[in-house]
Amino acid sequence: MISDTNEPVHEDRVWSDEHWTARVIKNEDDDGWAVAMYLDGEAEPALVGPWTMGRDKKNPKPLDTNAFNTLVKTAKEVIRRSEQQRHAELNKNVSVSVDGRRVRVEMSIVPDEEGATATLSARDEFDEPLATVPVPPTFRLTANSAQAWIASGFEKPR
């Protein structure tokens, strides 16, 4: 990033404020320019996108407050969507009907470099816990596997 002081920088090709830094960079794929948005402390940009050419058609248009604020908003949205996608990959749930009552079965995966773990849990229609068991992270949660688990008396699936 720019410096350790977190002082705002407002230059034509580098703009930083609060927790974000925008850098206008040469586009490696063509003769144009791109802008990369970095969240402080992150090595990789949260967002990289095309940047407008200046009037001379050679140099990039300078960064300004409005452009920077729009880039920050877009970068935050990219991060939010990425987090939502990751959450959806690690947390699944299905609702099934058993003997006329609704049961929600949830599977939560905890990633780990040493090996991910997962937990299967069931809750009744009043959100009261019914059972929780460890399962392999490869366990496939479907309506059928949830009903089979409930029918087994919540025994640990094999």
Protein backbone atom coordinates (compact mmCIF):
# COMPACT_ATOMS: atom_id res chain seq x y z
CA MET A 1 0.00 0.00 0.00
CA ILE A 2 1.05 3.63 0.23
CA SER A 3 2.46 4.16 3.72
CA ASP A 4 2.12 3.02 7.29
CA THR A 5 0.75 6.38 8.43
CA ASN A 6 -2.70 5.94 6.80
CA GLU A 7 -2.50 9.56 5.65
CA PRO A 8 -4.84 10.25 2.72
CA VAL A 9 -3.16 10.36 -0.70
CA HIS A 10 -4.86 12.21 -3.55
CA GLU A 11 -2.77 11.88 -6.69
CA ASP A 12 -3.71 11.37 -10.35
CA ARG A 13 -2.92 7.64 -10.29
CA VAL A 14 -3.07 6.79 -6.57
CA TRP A 15 -5.90 7.74 -4.25
CA SER A 16 -6.30 6.52 -0.70
CA ASP A 17 -8.59 7.41 2.14
CA GLU A 18 -9.70 5.54 5.25
CA HIS A 19 -9.20 1.83 4.45
CA TRP A 20 -8.97 1.80 0.65
CA THR A 21 -6.35 2.56 -2.01
CA ALA A 22 -7.07 2.95 -5.72
CA ARG A 23 -4.15 2.51 -8.12
CA VAL A 24 -4.39 3.24 -11.83
CA ILE A 25 -2.19 0.71 -13.59
CA LYS A 26 -1.24 -0.16 -17.15
CA ASN A 27 -3.61 -2.79 -18.52
CA GLU A 28 -1.45 -5.82 -19.31
CA ASP A 29 -3.91 -7.09 -21.95
CA ASP A 30 -3.96 -4.02 -24.21
CA ASP A 31 -2.88 -0.40 -24.55
CA GLY A 32 -5.44 0.88 -22.05
CA TRP A 33 -5.51 1.43 -18.32
CA ALA A 34 -7.05 -0.35 -15.35
CA VAL A 35 -7.76 0.56 -11.75
CA ALA A 36 -7.09 -1.77 -8.82
CA MET A 37 -8.81 -1.30 -5.46
CA TYR A 38 -6.96 -2.54 -2.38
CA LEU A 39 -8.34 -2.90 1.12
CA ASP A 40 -5.65 -1.94 3.64
CA GLY A 41 -3.67 -4.96 4.78
CA GLU A 42 -4.59 -7.10 1.76
CA ALA A 43 -1.96 -8.14 -0.77
CA GLU A 44 -4.44 -8.83 -3.57
CA PRO A 45 -6.86 -6.25 -4.97
CA ALA A 46 -10.54 -6.61 -4.11
CA LEU A 47 -11.45 -5.23 -7.52
CA VAL A 48 -9.70 -4.63 -10.84
CA GLY A 49 -11.51 -2.96 -13.71
CA PRO A 50 -10.95 -0.89 -16.82
CA TRP A 51 -10.07 2.77 -16.41
CA THR A 52 -10.89 5.65 -18.74
CA MET A 53 -8.30 7.19 -21.04
CA GLY A 54 -7.57 10.86 -20.63
CA ARG A 55 -8.17 13.47 -23.31
CA ASP A 56 -4.76 12.87 -24.88
CA LYS A 57 -5.76 9.21 -25.53
CA LYS A 58 -2.41 8.07 -24.08
CA ASN A 59 -2.57 8.64 -20.34
CA PRO A 60 -5.29 7.64 -17.89
CA LYS A 61 -7.94 10.01 -16.64
CA PRO A 62 -6.89 11.26 -13.16
CA LEU A 63 -8.62 9.84 -10.10
CA ASP A 64 -10.96 12.15 -8.19
CA THR A 65 -13.23 12.03 -5.15
CA ASN A 66 -16.37 10.93 -7.01
CA ALA A 67 -14.57 8.18 -8.92
CA PHE A 68 -12.84 6.97 -5.76
CA ASN A 69 -16.11 6.84 -3.80
CA THR A 70 -17.78 4.86 -6.60
CA LEU A 71 -14.84 2.45 -6.70
CA VAL A 72 -14.98 1.94 -2.92
CA LYS A 73 -18.71 1.20 -3.08
CA THR A 74 -18.19 -1.30 -5.92
CA ALA A 75 -15.25 -3.00 -4.18
CA LYS A 76 -17.27 -3.36 -0.96
CA GLU A 77 -20.10 -4.96 -2.94
CA VAL A 78 -17.67 -7.42 -4.59
CA ILE A 79 -16.33 -8.42 -1.16
CA ARG A 80 -19.86 -8.75 0.27
CA ARG A 81 -20.97 -11.01 -2.58
CA SER A 82 -17.83 -13.11 -2.27
CA GLU A 83 -18.47 -13.56 1.47
CA GLN A 84 -22.10 -14.52 0.80
CA GLN A 85 -21.00 -17.09 -1.76
CA ARG A 86 -18.42 -18.54 0.64
CA HIS A 87 -21.02 -18.71 3.42
CA ALA A 88 -23.44 -20.53 1.09
CA GLU A 89 -20.72 -23.04 0.14
CA LEU A 90 -19.99 -23.82 3.80
CA ASN A 91 -23.55 -23.79 5.19
CA LYS A 92 -26.38 -25.82 3.72
CA ASN A 93 -29.86 -26.50 5.06
CA VAL A 94 -33.01 -28.33 4.06
CA SER A 95 -36.43 -28.52 5.65
CA VAL A 96 -38.30 -31.80 5.67
CA SER A 97 -41.62 -32.97 7.03
CA VAL A 98 -41.49 -35.89 9.47
CA ASP A 99 -44.70 -37.24 11.02
CA GLY A 100 -46.48 -34.00 10.16
CA ARG A 101 -43.89 -31.71 11.76
CA ARG A 102 -41.26 -29.53 10.14
CA VAL A 103 -37.59 -30.27 10.84
CA ARG A 104 -34.75 -28.09 9.54
CA VAL A 105 -31.46 -29.93 9.02
CA GLU A 106 -28.32 -27.83 8.71
CA MET A 107 -24.79 -28.74 7.73
CA SER A 108 -21.93 -26.39 8.60
CA ILE A 109 -18.41 -26.89 7.28
CA VAL A 110 -15.42 -25.36 9.06
CA PRO A 111 -12.48 -25.11 6.66
CA ASP A 112 -9.02 -25.83 8.05
CA GLU A 113 -5.60 -26.35 6.50
CA GLU A 114 -5.20 -29.57 8.51
CA GLY A 115 -8.57 -30.86 7.37
CA ALA A 116 -12.07 -29.44 7.30
CA THR A 117 -14.71 -30.56 9.77
CA ALA A 118 -18.48 -30.53 9.48
CA THR A 119 -21.49 -30.70 11.76
CA LEU A 120 -25.01 -31.86 11.01
CA SER A 121 -27.77 -30.50 13.22
CA ALA A 122 -31.54 -30.66 13.36
CA ARG A 123 -34.03 -28.13 14.75
CA ASP A 124 -37.77 -28.36 15.16
CA GLU A 125 -40.37 -25.87 13.94
CA PHE A 126 -39.80 -23.79 17.11
CA ASP A 127 -36.04 -23.64 16.40
CA GLU A 128 -35.31 -25.94 19.33
CA PRO A 129 -32.28 -28.20 18.82
CA LEU A 130 -33.06 -31.87 18.28
CA ALA A 131 -29.62 -33.32 17.55
CA THR A 132 -26.07 -32.49 16.48
CA VAL A 133 -23.48 -34.92 15.13
CA PRO A 134 -20.12 -34.60 13.38
CA VAL A 135 -20.06 -35.65 9.73
CA PRO A 136 -17.36 -35.71 7.07
CA PRO A 137 -17.21 -32.45 5.09
CA THR A 138 -17.98 -34.55 2.01
CA PHE A 139 -21.39 -35.53 3.41
CA ARG A 140 -24.07 -34.63 0.89
CA LEU A 141 -27.07 -32.96 2.54
CA THR A 142 -30.27 -33.54 0.60
CA ALA A 143 -33.91 -33.90 1.62
CA ASN A 144 -33.49 -37.69 1.35
CA SER A 145 -30.28 -37.82 3.44
CA ALA A 146 -31.91 -35.53 6.05
CA GLN A 147 -34.98 -37.78 6.29
CA ALA A 148 -32.79 -40.89 6.54
CA TRP A 149 -30.79 -39.27 9.37
CA ILE A 150 -33.96 -38.35 11.27
CA ALA A 151 -35.45 -41.84 10.67
CA SER A 152 -32.26 -43.41 12.11
CA GLY A 153 -32.90 -41.62 15.39
CA PHE A 154 -30.21 -39.04 14.56
CA GLU A 155 -27.42 -41.61 14.51
CA LYS A 156 -24.16 -40.42 13.01
CA PRO A 157 -24.40 -40.99 9.23
CA ARG A 158 -21.87 -43.38 7.81
